[in-house]
Every structure is written in structure tokens, then in C-alpha cells.
Amino acid sequence: MKLLIINGPNLNFLGIREPNIYGSKSYKDLVEYLNSYSIEKNIELEVYQSNSEGAIIDKIQDSFMTNSNAIIINPGALTHYSYAIKDCISSINIPVVEVHLTNIEKREDFRKFSVIKDVCINTFCGKHFESYKEAIDYIMEKYAKT
């Protein structure tokens, strides 16, 4: 299984940005958590982060060209308004799962709407790092070839 995890704007500031909301663990901690879990699950994992919408679109398109089996994406604030990312996800034939550290349904009104939700196969949120683990398990159960 070749899996790409894409993290959007400000996720590189985990542990710095609003620790009362996002926790005290850093982005480095998240990447180590994901790498450790992927080894346990025998997944070829790439973790990518960008603060740029265009770079995220380029990475999604690149994943199509390099035959990724699935994508997990936490687009950060781009979740709520990036129709360009939605269109990009729609244009590839790769399963994409949406992930959020917090429960966006219980946050500010503008955060409750995801423009990419309809083009993703599932959404996991509200469990911090565990949201990613749930997404990985879902993908492995649904798409891993035995």
C-alpha cells in the first residue's frame, strides 16, 4: 500500500498554534506517530505539508502520476473554501479520506462546512492524531490487497 498524507496550512505550527485547541504535540510528533504506525501496518508512507494551495494541488496531481493507492488529506482552513482542491480530488481516480485534528462540526460556524467532503470517501475528525490512525485503518480495511 502506497499512501500519501497531505497536511495543509498551519499544521506545521502544531504545538505552537492554539495549544488549547490543537494540543501541545508538534508537527514533528505527528509525523513520527504516522511513520511509526505505517511501519506497523507495512505501508509505504509519504507525509507532506504545505501552506500553499497550489503546492497541495500539485502534490495531489503528482500522487496520481506516481500511482499512490490512497490519500489522506487535512487541508486545514482550505477545507472550507478551496474549490480548486475539490476539483483536483475529483479529477484523480484515487480514494481520498478527509481528516481533521479537531471536531469541525463543533467549532466556529465557518469551520462546519467542508467543500471537499463530497469528493472524499470518508471523514475522520475530533480525535487529534488518532483521527489519522482511524483514516489509515479505514483505507487498509477497504483498499489493501490481500
N, C-alpha and C. Protein backbone atom coordinates (compact mmCIF):
# COMPACT_ATOMS: atom_id res chain seq x y z
N MET A 1 0.85 -1.18 0.00
CA MET A 1 0.00 0.00 0.00
C MET A 1 0.89 1.24 0.00
N LYS A 2 0.68 2.09 -0.98
CA LYS A 2 1.41 3.34 -1.08
C LYS A 2 0.45 4.48 -0.71
N LEU A 3 0.71 5.11 0.42
CA LEU A 3 -0.20 6.10 0.99
C LEU A 3 0.47 7.47 1.10
N LEU A 4 -0.25 8.49 0.69
CA LEU A 4 0.20 9.88 0.82
C LEU A 4 -0.68 10.58 1.84
N ILE A 5 -0.05 11.24 2.80
CA ILE A 5 -0.78 12.10 3.74
C ILE A 5 -0.37 13.53 3.46
N ILE A 6 -1.38 14.36 3.19
CA ILE A 6 -1.16 15.79 2.90
C ILE A 6 -1.73 16.60 4.04
N ASN A 7 -0.91 17.49 4.57
CA ASN A 7 -1.33 18.43 5.61
C ASN A 7 -1.22 19.85 5.09
N GLY A 8 -2.26 20.63 5.32
CA GLY A 8 -2.33 21.97 4.78
C GLY A 8 -1.80 23.05 5.70
N PRO A 9 -2.26 24.28 5.43
CA PRO A 9 -1.75 25.47 6.11
C PRO A 9 -1.80 25.38 7.64
N ASN A 10 -0.71 25.82 8.22
CA ASN A 10 -0.54 25.99 9.66
C ASN A 10 -0.37 24.70 10.45
N LEU A 11 -0.48 23.55 9.80
CA LEU A 11 -0.26 22.31 10.55
C LEU A 11 1.20 22.19 10.98
N ASN A 12 2.09 22.84 10.27
CA ASN A 12 3.49 22.86 10.68
C ASN A 12 3.68 23.60 12.00
N PHE A 13 2.66 24.32 12.46
CA PHE A 13 2.72 25.06 13.72
C PHE A 13 2.01 24.33 14.87
N LEU A 14 1.76 23.03 14.69
CA LEU A 14 1.19 22.27 15.80
C LEU A 14 2.10 22.39 17.02
N GLY A 15 1.51 22.51 18.19
CA GLY A 15 2.26 22.68 19.42
C GLY A 15 2.55 24.14 19.72
N ILE A 16 2.47 24.98 18.70
CA ILE A 16 2.68 26.42 18.84
C ILE A 16 1.35 27.14 18.72
N ARG A 17 0.59 26.79 17.70
CA ARG A 17 -0.69 27.42 17.40
C ARG A 17 -1.79 26.90 18.32
N GLU A 18 -2.37 27.76 19.08
CA GLU A 18 -3.53 27.45 19.92
C GLU A 18 -3.47 26.06 20.56
N PRO A 19 -2.50 25.84 21.44
CA PRO A 19 -2.39 24.51 22.06
C PRO A 19 -3.63 24.10 22.85
N ASN A 20 -4.42 25.07 23.29
CA ASN A 20 -5.66 24.75 23.99
C ASN A 20 -6.67 24.08 23.06
N ILE A 21 -6.52 24.25 21.75
CA ILE A 21 -7.39 23.63 20.75
C ILE A 21 -6.71 22.44 20.09
N TYR A 22 -5.46 22.63 19.67
CA TYR A 22 -4.76 21.63 18.86
C TYR A 22 -3.79 20.76 19.65
N GLY A 23 -3.62 21.03 20.93
CA GLY A 23 -2.73 20.23 21.76
C GLY A 23 -1.31 20.75 21.76
N SER A 24 -0.49 20.12 22.58
CA SER A 24 0.90 20.58 22.75
C SER A 24 1.90 19.79 21.92
N LYS A 25 1.45 18.73 21.27
CA LYS A 25 2.37 17.95 20.43
C LYS A 25 2.66 18.70 19.14
N SER A 26 3.88 18.55 18.67
CA SER A 26 4.36 19.28 17.50
C SER A 26 4.05 18.55 16.19
N TYR A 27 4.29 19.23 15.07
CA TYR A 27 4.14 18.59 13.77
C TYR A 27 5.13 17.43 13.64
N LYS A 28 6.32 17.61 14.17
CA LYS A 28 7.32 16.53 14.15
C LYS A 28 6.77 15.31 14.89
N ASP A 29 6.08 15.54 16.02
CA ASP A 29 5.47 14.44 16.76
C ASP A 29 4.43 13.72 15.90
N LEU A 30 3.63 14.49 15.16
CA LEU A 30 2.62 13.90 14.28
C LEU A 30 3.28 13.02 13.21
N VAL A 31 4.31 13.54 12.57
CA VAL A 31 5.00 12.78 11.52
C VAL A 31 5.61 11.51 12.09
N GLU A 32 6.23 11.59 13.25
CA GLU A 32 6.80 10.40 13.89
C GLU A 32 5.71 9.37 14.21
N TYR A 33 4.58 9.84 14.70
CA TYR A 33 3.44 8.98 15.01
C TYR A 33 2.97 8.26 13.74
N LEU A 34 2.83 9.01 12.65
CA LEU A 34 2.37 8.44 11.38
C LEU A 34 3.39 7.46 10.81
N ASN A 35 4.66 7.82 10.85
CA ASN A 35 5.70 6.91 10.35
C ASN A 35 5.75 5.62 11.15
N SER A 36 5.64 5.72 12.46
CA SER A 36 5.66 4.54 13.31
C SER A 36 4.47 3.63 13.01
N TYR A 37 3.31 4.22 12.87
CA TYR A 37 2.11 3.42 12.60
C TYR A 37 2.17 2.79 11.20
N SER A 38 2.73 3.50 10.24
CA SER A 38 2.82 2.96 8.88
C SER A 38 3.78 1.77 8.82
N ILE A 39 4.84 1.82 9.61
CA ILE A 39 5.76 0.67 9.67
C ILE A 39 5.02 -0.54 10.23
N GLU A 40 4.27 -0.31 11.29
CA GLU A 40 3.48 -1.38 11.93
C GLU A 40 2.50 -2.00 10.94
N LYS A 41 1.94 -1.18 10.05
CA LYS A 41 0.93 -1.64 9.09
C LYS A 41 1.52 -2.02 7.74
N ASN A 42 2.85 -1.94 7.61
CA ASN A 42 3.53 -2.26 6.36
C ASN A 42 3.05 -1.37 5.19
N ILE A 43 3.02 -0.08 5.44
CA ILE A 43 2.59 0.91 4.46
C ILE A 43 3.78 1.72 3.99
N GLU A 44 3.85 1.94 2.70
CA GLU A 44 4.84 2.87 2.14
C GLU A 44 4.21 4.26 2.27
N LEU A 45 4.72 5.06 3.19
CA LEU A 45 4.09 6.33 3.55
C LEU A 45 4.93 7.53 3.14
N GLU A 46 4.25 8.52 2.60
CA GLU A 46 4.85 9.84 2.40
C GLU A 46 3.96 10.84 3.12
N VAL A 47 4.57 11.69 3.94
CA VAL A 47 3.85 12.75 4.63
C VAL A 47 4.34 14.07 4.07
N TYR A 48 3.39 14.91 3.68
CA TYR A 48 3.70 16.18 3.02
C TYR A 48 2.91 17.29 3.69
N GLN A 49 3.53 18.46 3.85
CA GLN A 49 2.85 19.62 4.40
C GLN A 49 3.19 20.84 3.58
N SER A 50 2.18 21.67 3.31
CA SER A 50 2.42 22.94 2.64
C SER A 50 1.40 23.97 3.12
N ASN A 51 1.84 25.20 3.16
CA ASN A 51 0.95 26.32 3.46
C ASN A 51 0.37 26.91 2.19
N SER A 52 0.66 26.32 1.05
CA SER A 52 0.26 26.85 -0.25
C SER A 52 -0.76 25.95 -0.94
N GLU A 53 -1.89 26.53 -1.30
CA GLU A 53 -2.94 25.78 -2.00
C GLU A 53 -2.42 25.18 -3.30
N GLY A 54 -1.68 25.93 -4.07
CA GLY A 54 -1.15 25.44 -5.34
C GLY A 54 -0.21 24.26 -5.17
N ALA A 55 0.63 24.31 -4.14
CA ALA A 55 1.56 23.21 -3.89
C ALA A 55 0.79 21.94 -3.49
N ILE A 56 -0.30 22.11 -2.76
CA ILE A 56 -1.12 20.95 -2.38
C ILE A 56 -1.77 20.34 -3.61
N ILE A 57 -2.26 21.18 -4.50
CA ILE A 57 -2.85 20.69 -5.76
C ILE A 57 -1.80 19.96 -6.58
N ASP A 58 -0.61 20.53 -6.67
CA ASP A 58 0.47 19.87 -7.40
C ASP A 58 0.78 18.50 -6.79
N LYS A 59 0.76 18.40 -5.47
CA LYS A 59 1.07 17.14 -4.80
C LYS A 59 -0.02 16.10 -5.05
N ILE A 60 -1.28 16.52 -5.05
CA ILE A 60 -2.37 15.60 -5.35
C ILE A 60 -2.22 15.08 -6.78
N GLN A 61 -1.96 15.96 -7.71
CA GLN A 61 -1.77 15.54 -9.11
C GLN A 61 -0.56 14.62 -9.24
N ASP A 62 0.51 14.94 -8.53
CA ASP A 62 1.71 14.10 -8.56
C ASP A 62 1.41 12.70 -8.02
N SER A 63 0.55 12.62 -7.01
CA SER A 63 0.22 11.31 -6.45
C SER A 63 -0.47 10.42 -7.48
N PHE A 64 -1.23 11.03 -8.36
CA PHE A 64 -1.86 10.29 -9.44
C PHE A 64 -0.80 9.76 -10.41
N MET A 65 0.17 10.61 -10.73
CA MET A 65 1.22 10.24 -11.69
C MET A 65 2.18 9.19 -11.12
N THR A 66 2.32 9.15 -9.80
CA THR A 66 3.25 8.20 -9.17
C THR A 66 2.53 7.00 -8.56
N ASN A 67 1.26 6.84 -8.92
CA ASN A 67 0.49 5.64 -8.55
C ASN A 67 0.31 5.43 -7.05
N SER A 68 0.01 6.48 -6.33
CA SER A 68 -0.37 6.30 -4.93
C SER A 68 -1.67 5.50 -4.89
N ASN A 69 -1.82 4.67 -3.86
CA ASN A 69 -3.04 3.88 -3.71
C ASN A 69 -4.15 4.65 -3.01
N ALA A 70 -3.78 5.60 -2.15
CA ALA A 70 -4.77 6.38 -1.41
C ALA A 70 -4.12 7.65 -0.87
N ILE A 71 -4.98 8.61 -0.52
CA ILE A 71 -4.54 9.88 0.05
C ILE A 71 -5.38 10.16 1.28
N ILE A 72 -4.71 10.63 2.32
CA ILE A 72 -5.37 11.21 3.48
C ILE A 72 -5.01 12.68 3.45
N ILE A 73 -6.02 13.55 3.56
CA ILE A 73 -5.76 14.98 3.49
C ILE A 73 -6.39 15.72 4.65
N ASN A 74 -5.59 16.55 5.28
CA ASN A 74 -6.06 17.52 6.26
C ASN A 74 -5.75 18.88 5.65
N PRO A 75 -6.71 19.47 4.93
CA PRO A 75 -6.43 20.73 4.23
C PRO A 75 -6.41 21.97 5.11
N GLY A 76 -6.56 21.79 6.42
CA GLY A 76 -6.61 22.96 7.30
C GLY A 76 -7.75 23.87 6.88
N ALA A 77 -7.52 25.16 6.94
CA ALA A 77 -8.57 26.14 6.60
C ALA A 77 -9.01 26.04 5.14
N LEU A 78 -8.19 25.45 4.27
CA LEU A 78 -8.59 25.29 2.87
C LEU A 78 -9.80 24.37 2.73
N THR A 79 -10.08 23.60 3.76
CA THR A 79 -11.25 22.73 3.81
C THR A 79 -12.52 23.50 3.49
N HIS A 80 -12.57 24.73 3.94
CA HIS A 80 -13.81 25.48 3.96
C HIS A 80 -14.05 26.33 2.72
N TYR A 81 -13.05 26.43 1.84
CA TYR A 81 -13.26 27.29 0.67
C TYR A 81 -12.48 26.90 -0.57
N SER A 82 -11.68 25.86 -0.55
CA SER A 82 -10.86 25.55 -1.72
C SER A 82 -11.57 24.63 -2.70
N TYR A 83 -12.30 25.26 -3.60
CA TYR A 83 -12.92 24.50 -4.69
C TYR A 83 -11.87 23.99 -5.65
N ALA A 84 -10.71 24.62 -5.67
CA ALA A 84 -9.61 24.14 -6.51
C ALA A 84 -9.12 22.78 -6.02
N ILE A 85 -9.00 22.61 -4.71
CA ILE A 85 -8.61 21.31 -4.18
C ILE A 85 -9.72 20.29 -4.42
N LYS A 86 -10.97 20.71 -4.25
CA LYS A 86 -12.10 19.81 -4.54
C LYS A 86 -12.04 19.33 -5.99
N ASP A 87 -11.85 20.25 -6.92
CA ASP A 87 -11.79 19.88 -8.33
C ASP A 87 -10.61 18.95 -8.61
N CYS A 88 -9.49 19.19 -7.95
CA CYS A 88 -8.32 18.34 -8.14
C CYS A 88 -8.59 16.92 -7.64
N ILE A 89 -9.18 16.81 -6.46
CA ILE A 89 -9.53 15.48 -5.94
C ILE A 89 -10.50 14.77 -6.88
N SER A 90 -11.44 15.53 -7.42
CA SER A 90 -12.42 14.95 -8.36
C SER A 90 -11.78 14.44 -9.62
N SER A 91 -10.63 14.99 -9.99
CA SER A 91 -10.02 14.65 -11.27
C SER A 91 -9.12 13.41 -11.21
N ILE A 92 -8.86 12.91 -10.00
CA ILE A 92 -7.99 11.73 -9.88
C ILE A 92 -8.83 10.52 -9.50
N ASN A 93 -8.33 9.37 -9.84
CA ASN A 93 -9.03 8.13 -9.51
C ASN A 93 -8.32 7.44 -8.35
N ILE A 94 -8.21 8.16 -7.24
CA ILE A 94 -7.54 7.65 -6.05
C ILE A 94 -8.47 7.92 -4.86
N PRO A 95 -8.69 6.95 -3.99
CA PRO A 95 -9.51 7.21 -2.82
C PRO A 95 -8.86 8.25 -1.91
N VAL A 96 -9.66 9.22 -1.47
CA VAL A 96 -9.17 10.30 -0.61
C VAL A 96 -10.04 10.35 0.64
N VAL A 97 -9.38 10.37 1.79
CA VAL A 97 -10.06 10.48 3.08
C VAL A 97 -9.69 11.83 3.70
N GLU A 98 -10.70 12.53 4.19
CA GLU A 98 -10.51 13.82 4.85
C GLU A 98 -10.30 13.59 6.35
N VAL A 99 -9.34 14.32 6.92
CA VAL A 99 -9.02 14.20 8.34
C VAL A 99 -8.88 15.59 8.95
N HIS A 100 -9.31 15.70 10.20
CA HIS A 100 -9.11 16.93 10.98
C HIS A 100 -8.77 16.54 12.42
N LEU A 101 -7.87 17.29 13.02
CA LEU A 101 -7.49 17.04 14.41
C LEU A 101 -8.64 17.33 15.37
N THR A 102 -9.37 18.39 15.09
CA THR A 102 -10.49 18.79 15.94
C THR A 102 -11.81 18.38 15.29
N ASN A 103 -12.87 18.48 16.05
CA ASN A 103 -14.19 18.18 15.51
C ASN A 103 -14.73 19.45 14.87
N ILE A 104 -14.64 19.53 13.55
CA ILE A 104 -15.04 20.76 12.85
C ILE A 104 -16.54 21.02 12.98
N GLU A 105 -17.30 19.98 13.28
CA GLU A 105 -18.75 20.14 13.46
C GLU A 105 -19.08 20.92 14.74
N LYS A 106 -18.14 20.98 15.68
CA LYS A 106 -18.38 21.64 16.96
C LYS A 106 -17.52 22.89 17.13
N ARG A 107 -17.07 23.44 16.03
CA ARG A 107 -16.23 24.64 16.08
C ARG A 107 -17.02 25.84 15.56
N GLU A 108 -16.33 26.88 15.17
CA GLU A 108 -16.97 28.07 14.64
C GLU A 108 -17.80 27.70 13.41
N ASP A 109 -18.84 28.49 13.15
CA ASP A 109 -19.77 28.18 12.05
C ASP A 109 -19.05 27.98 10.73
N PHE A 110 -18.07 28.82 10.40
CA PHE A 110 -17.41 28.69 9.10
C PHE A 110 -16.64 27.38 8.96
N ARG A 111 -16.24 26.79 10.07
CA ARG A 111 -15.48 25.53 10.03
C ARG A 111 -16.37 24.30 9.85
N LYS A 112 -17.66 24.45 10.00
CA LYS A 112 -18.57 23.31 9.95
C LYS A 112 -18.81 22.80 8.53
N PHE A 113 -18.45 23.60 7.54
CA PHE A 113 -18.68 23.23 6.15
C PHE A 113 -17.38 22.84 5.47
N SER A 114 -17.38 21.68 4.83
CA SER A 114 -16.22 21.20 4.08
C SER A 114 -16.58 21.13 2.61
N VAL A 115 -15.87 21.87 1.78
CA VAL A 115 -16.14 21.82 0.34
C VAL A 115 -15.62 20.53 -0.28
N ILE A 116 -14.71 19.83 0.39
CA ILE A 116 -14.16 18.60 -0.19
C ILE A 116 -14.89 17.35 0.27
N LYS A 117 -15.76 17.46 1.24
CA LYS A 117 -16.42 16.29 1.83
C LYS A 117 -17.07 15.40 0.77
N ASP A 118 -17.74 15.99 -0.20
CA ASP A 118 -18.45 15.21 -1.21
C ASP A 118 -17.54 14.42 -2.16
N VAL A 119 -16.27 14.79 -2.24
CA VAL A 119 -15.35 14.08 -3.14
C VAL A 119 -14.40 13.17 -2.37
N CYS A 120 -14.60 13.09 -1.06
CA CYS A 120 -13.81 12.18 -0.23
C CYS A 120 -14.67 10.98 0.13
N ILE A 121 -14.03 9.85 0.37
CA ILE A 121 -14.78 8.63 0.66
C ILE A 121 -15.20 8.53 2.13
N ASN A 122 -14.55 9.33 2.98
CA ASN A 122 -14.92 9.34 4.39
C ASN A 122 -14.22 10.51 5.06
N THR A 123 -14.66 10.83 6.28
CA THR A 123 -14.06 11.90 7.08
C THR A 123 -13.88 11.39 8.49
N PHE A 124 -12.71 11.67 9.06
CA PHE A 124 -12.43 11.35 10.46
C PHE A 124 -11.95 12.63 11.13
N CYS A 125 -12.55 12.96 12.27
CA CYS A 125 -12.17 14.21 12.93
C CYS A 125 -12.42 14.14 14.42
N GLY A 126 -11.80 15.07 15.12
CA GLY A 126 -12.07 15.26 16.54
C GLY A 126 -11.26 14.41 17.49
N LYS A 127 -10.31 13.64 16.97
CA LYS A 127 -9.54 12.75 17.85
C LYS A 127 -8.04 13.02 17.74
N HIS A 128 -7.68 14.22 17.36
CA HIS A 128 -6.28 14.63 17.21
C HIS A 128 -5.52 13.61 16.35
N PHE A 129 -4.37 13.13 16.80
CA PHE A 129 -3.57 12.22 15.98
C PHE A 129 -4.33 10.94 15.66
N GLU A 130 -5.18 10.52 16.57
CA GLU A 130 -5.96 9.29 16.39
C GLU A 130 -6.86 9.37 15.15
N SER A 131 -7.27 10.58 14.75
CA SER A 131 -8.08 10.74 13.54
C SER A 131 -7.34 10.18 12.32
N TYR A 132 -6.03 10.41 12.26
CA TYR A 132 -5.22 9.89 11.16
C TYR A 132 -5.16 8.36 11.22
N LYS A 133 -4.98 7.83 12.42
CA LYS A 133 -4.91 6.38 12.57
C LYS A 133 -6.22 5.73 12.11
N GLU A 134 -7.35 6.32 12.47
CA GLU A 134 -8.64 5.79 12.03
C GLU A 134 -8.75 5.83 10.51
N ALA A 135 -8.26 6.90 9.91
CA ALA A 135 -8.29 7.02 8.45
C ALA A 135 -7.40 5.95 7.80
N ILE A 136 -6.22 5.74 8.35
CA ILE A 136 -5.32 4.71 7.82
C ILE A 136 -5.98 3.33 7.93
N ASP A 137 -6.55 3.05 9.08
CA ASP A 137 -7.20 1.74 9.28
C ASP A 137 -8.36 1.56 8.30
N TYR A 138 -9.11 2.61 8.08
CA TYR A 138 -10.23 2.55 7.14
C TYR A 138 -9.73 2.23 5.73
N ILE A 139 -8.70 2.92 5.31
CA ILE A 139 -8.14 2.69 3.97
C ILE A 139 -7.59 1.27 3.86
N MET A 140 -6.88 0.82 4.88
CA MET A 140 -6.31 -0.51 4.83
C MET A 140 -7.41 -1.58 4.77
N GLU A 141 -8.45 -1.39 5.53
CA GLU A 141 -9.55 -2.36 5.53
C GLU A 141 -10.27 -2.38 4.18
N LYS A 142 -10.44 -1.21 3.61
CA LYS A 142 -11.24 -1.10 2.40
C LYS A 142 -10.45 -1.34 1.11
N TYR A 143 -9.15 -0.98 1.10
CA TYR A 143 -8.42 -0.98 -0.16
C TYR A 143 -7.14 -1.82 -0.19
N ALA A 144 -6.65 -2.27 0.95
CA ALA A 144 -5.41 -3.06 0.93
C ALA A 144 -5.68 -4.41 0.26
N LYS A 145 -4.80 -4.76 -0.64
CA LYS A 145 -4.92 -6.04 -1.34
C LYS A 145 -4.31 -7.12 -0.47
N THR A 146 -5.04 -8.22 -0.34
CA THR A 146 -4.52 -9.32 0.50
C THR A 146 -3.92 -10.40 -0.36
